C-alpha atoms as a PDB file:
ATOM      1  CA  MET A   1      28.177  65.114 -33.917  1.00  0.00           C
ATOM      2  CA  SER A   2      31.040  65.428 -31.459  1.00  0.00           C
ATOM      3  CA  GLY A   3      30.489  61.793 -30.482  1.00  0.00           C
ATOM      4  CA  TRP A   4      31.302  60.690 -34.009  1.00  0.00           C
ATOM      5  CA  ILE A   5      34.432  62.812 -34.055  1.00  0.00           C
ATOM      6  CA  PHE A   6      35.577  61.238 -30.786  1.00  0.00           C
ATOM      7  CA  PHE A   7      34.885  57.794 -32.220  1.00  0.00           C
ATOM      8  CA  ALA A   8      36.889  58.591 -35.344  1.00  0.00           C
ATOM      9  CA  GLU A   9      39.776  59.973 -33.280  1.00  0.00           C
ATOM     10  CA  SER A  10      39.836  56.993 -30.941  1.00  0.00           C
ATOM     11  CA  ALA A  11      39.887  54.626 -33.913  1.00  0.00           C
ATOM     12  CA  THR A  12      43.063  56.228 -35.207  1.00  0.00           C
ATOM     13  CA  GLN A  13      44.867  56.432 -31.860  1.00  0.00           C
ATOM     14  CA  ALA A  14      45.671  53.315 -29.886  1.00  0.00           C
ATOM     15  CA  ILE A  15      44.902  53.992 -26.217  1.00  0.00           C
ATOM     16  CA  SER A  16      46.042  51.385 -23.765  1.00  0.00           C
ATOM     17  CA  GLY A  17      46.352  50.834 -20.067  1.00  0.00           C
ATOM     18  CA  PHE A  18      44.744  52.860 -17.302  1.00  0.00           C
ATOM     19  CA  ARG A  19      44.248  55.848 -19.592  1.00  0.00           C
ATOM     20  CA  ASN A  20      41.810  53.814 -21.690  1.00  0.00           C
ATOM     21  CA  VAL A  21      39.903  52.782 -18.574  1.00  0.00           C
ATOM     22  CA  SER A  22      39.656  56.333 -17.259  1.00  0.00           C
ATOM     23  CA  GLU A  23      38.611  57.845 -20.610  1.00  0.00           C
ATOM     24  CA  GLN A  24      35.879  55.266 -21.147  1.00  0.00           C
ATOM     25  CA  ASN A  25      34.462  55.666 -17.597  1.00  0.00           C
ATOM     26  CA  GLY A  26      35.594  52.173 -16.676  1.00  0.00           C
ATOM     27  CA  ILE A  27      36.048  52.946 -12.989  1.00  0.00           C
ATOM     28  CA  SER A  28      32.522  54.303 -12.570  1.00  0.00           C
ATOM     29  CA  ILE A  29      31.064  51.383 -14.538  1.00  0.00           C
ATOM     30  CA  SER A  30      32.970  48.940 -12.316  1.00  0.00           C
ATOM     31  CA  ILE A  31      31.799  50.646  -9.120  1.00  0.00           C
ATOM     32  CA  VAL A  32      28.170  50.674 -10.296  1.00  0.00           C
ATOM     33  CA  GLY A  33      28.407  46.991 -11.231  1.00  0.00           C
ATOM     34  CA  MET A  34      29.889  46.013  -7.879  1.00  0.00           C
ATOM     35  CA  LEU A  35      27.240  48.032  -6.018  1.00  0.00           C
ATOM     36  CA  LEU A  36      24.496  46.385  -8.054  1.00  0.00           C
ATOM     37  CA  VAL A  37      25.795  42.888  -7.264  1.00  0.00           C
ATOM     38  CA  PHE A  38      26.190  43.786  -3.579  1.00  0.00           C
ATOM     39  CA  ILE A  39      22.642  45.141  -3.343  1.00  0.00           C
ATOM     40  CA  VAL A  40      21.106  42.129  -5.090  1.00  0.00           C
ATOM     41  CA  LEU A  41      23.028  39.644  -2.941  1.00  0.00           C
ATOM     42  CA  SER A  42      22.009  41.589   0.183  1.00  0.00           C
ATOM     43  CA  LEU A  43      18.353  41.414  -0.879  1.00  0.00           C
ATOM     44  CA  ILE A  44      18.605  37.665  -1.497  1.00  0.00           C
ATOM     45  CA  THR A  45      20.191  37.187   1.923  1.00  0.00           C
ATOM     46  CA  ALA A  46      17.485  39.264   3.600  1.00  0.00           C
ATOM     47  CA  LEU A  47      14.730  37.300   1.858  1.00  0.00           C
ATOM     48  CA  LEU A  48      16.247  33.949   2.808  1.00  0.00           C
ATOM     49  CA  THR A  49      16.666  35.120   6.399  1.00  0.00           C
ATOM     50  CA  ALA A  50      13.060  36.314   6.605  1.00  0.00           C
ATOM     51  CA  LEU A  51      11.582  33.228   4.943  1.00  0.00           C
ATOM     52  CA  PRO A  52      11.238  31.060   8.105  1.00  0.00           C
ATOM     53  CA  HIS A  53       9.432  33.906   9.881  1.00  0.00           C
ATOM     54  CA  VAL A  54       7.085  34.389   6.935  1.00  0.00           C
ATOM     55  CA  VAL A  55       6.297  30.674   6.824  1.00  0.00           C
ATOM     56  CA  GLU A  56       5.640  30.682  10.579  1.00  0.00           C
ATOM     57  CA  LYS A  57       3.167  33.565  10.196  1.00  0.00           C
ATOM     58  CA  LEU A  58       1.500  31.820   7.265  1.00  0.00           C
ATOM     59  CA  ASN A  59       1.124  28.663   9.376  1.00  0.00           C
ATOM     60  CA  GLU A  60      -0.752  30.732  11.958  1.00  0.00           C
ATOM     61  CA  ILE A  61      -3.113  32.082   9.294  1.00  0.00           C
ATOM     62  CA  TYR A  62      -3.435  28.871   7.293  1.00  0.00           C
ATOM     63  CA  PRO A  63      -2.698  25.959   9.636  1.00  0.00           C
ATOM     64  CA  PRO A  64      -1.637  22.665   8.057  1.00  0.00           C
ATOM     65  CA  SER A  65      -4.381  20.093   7.745  1.00  0.00           C
ATOM     66  CA  GLN A  66      -4.700  17.654  10.627  1.00  0.00           C
ATOM     67  CA  GLU A  67      -6.112  14.746   8.666  1.00  0.00           C
ATOM     68  CA  HIS A  68      -5.107  11.341   9.908  1.00  0.00           C
ATOM     69  CA  HIS A  69      -5.186   8.622   7.369  1.00  0.00           C
ATOM     70  CA  ALA A  70      -6.099   5.097   8.241  1.00  0.00           C
ATOM     71  CA  PRO A  71      -3.209   2.657   8.207  1.00  0.00           C
ATOM     72  CA  VAL A  72      -2.780   0.788   4.968  1.00  0.00           C
ATOM     73  CA  GLN A  73      -4.219  -2.695   5.185  1.00  0.00           C
ATOM     74  CA  THR A  74      -2.012  -5.382   3.747  1.00  0.00           C
ATOM     75  CA  SER A  75      -3.704  -8.307   2.158  1.00  0.00           C
ATOM     76  CA  ALA A  76      -2.489 -11.830   1.667  1.00  0.00           C
ATOM     77  CA  ASN A  77      -1.831 -11.059  -1.998  1.00  0.00           C
ATOM     78  CA  ASP A  78       0.584  -8.255  -1.052  1.00  0.00           C
ATOM     79  CA  GLU A  79       2.544 -10.583   1.213  1.00  0.00           C
ATOM     80  CA  GLU A  80       2.626 -13.281  -1.462  1.00  0.00           C
ATOM     81  CA  ASP A  81       3.837 -10.729  -4.016  1.00  0.00           C
ATOM     82  CA  ALA A  82       6.639  -9.655  -1.675  1.00  0.00           C
ATOM     83  CA  VAL A  83       7.737 -13.275  -1.158  1.00  0.00           C
ATOM     84  CA  LEU A  84       7.641 -13.947  -4.904  1.00  0.00           C
ATOM     85  CA  ALA A  85       9.668 -10.792  -5.571  1.00  0.00           C
ATOM     86  CA  ALA A  86      12.299 -11.910  -3.027  1.00  0.00           C
ATOM     87  CA  ILE A  87      12.492 -15.387  -4.578  1.00  0.00           C
ATOM     88  CA  GLY A  88      12.836 -13.867  -8.045  1.00  0.00           C
ATOM     89  CA  PHE A  89      15.615 -11.557  -6.863  1.00  0.00           C
ATOM     90  CA  VAL A  90      17.558 -14.462  -5.323  1.00  0.00           C
ATOM     91  CA  LEU A  91      17.176 -16.568  -8.458  1.00  0.00           C
ATOM     92  CA  HIS A  92      18.290 -13.658 -10.628  1.00  0.00           C
ATOM     93  CA  THR A  93      21.433 -13.005  -8.565  1.00  0.00           C
ATOM     94  CA  GLN A  94      22.318 -16.703  -8.463  1.00  0.00           C
ATOM     95  CA  MET A  95      21.943 -17.048 -12.238  1.00  0.00           C
ATOM     96  CA  ALA A  96      24.059 -13.929 -12.781  1.00  0.00           C
ATOM     97  CA  ARG A  97      26.840 -15.398 -10.616  1.00  0.00           C
ATOM     98  CA  THR A  98      26.841 -18.722 -12.472  1.00  0.00           C
ATOM     99  CA  ARG A  99      27.140 -16.937 -15.857  1.00  0.00           C
ATOM    100  CA  ASP A 100      30.312 -15.137 -14.793  1.00  0.00           C
END
């Protein structure tokens, strides 16, 4: 019940400045908030620093696959398509220049 009385008293009196901060535990709330942010940022930094070492250990346990793929064979159709695409690009740019 005393909480309600305090609330009613604070509603009638206008408290301003540092007195308001000290009565509402503002300093302790600020310190706890800053400590929380510092701890979380420290944990993120530690995790990012340790990540390359963790990946290195995981590569020892699970090595990357050593599959070699055969080179891609180009056919005559692929070369013809590339030539046709180049001709189409040149024609398109020339027609765009003549319109302007």
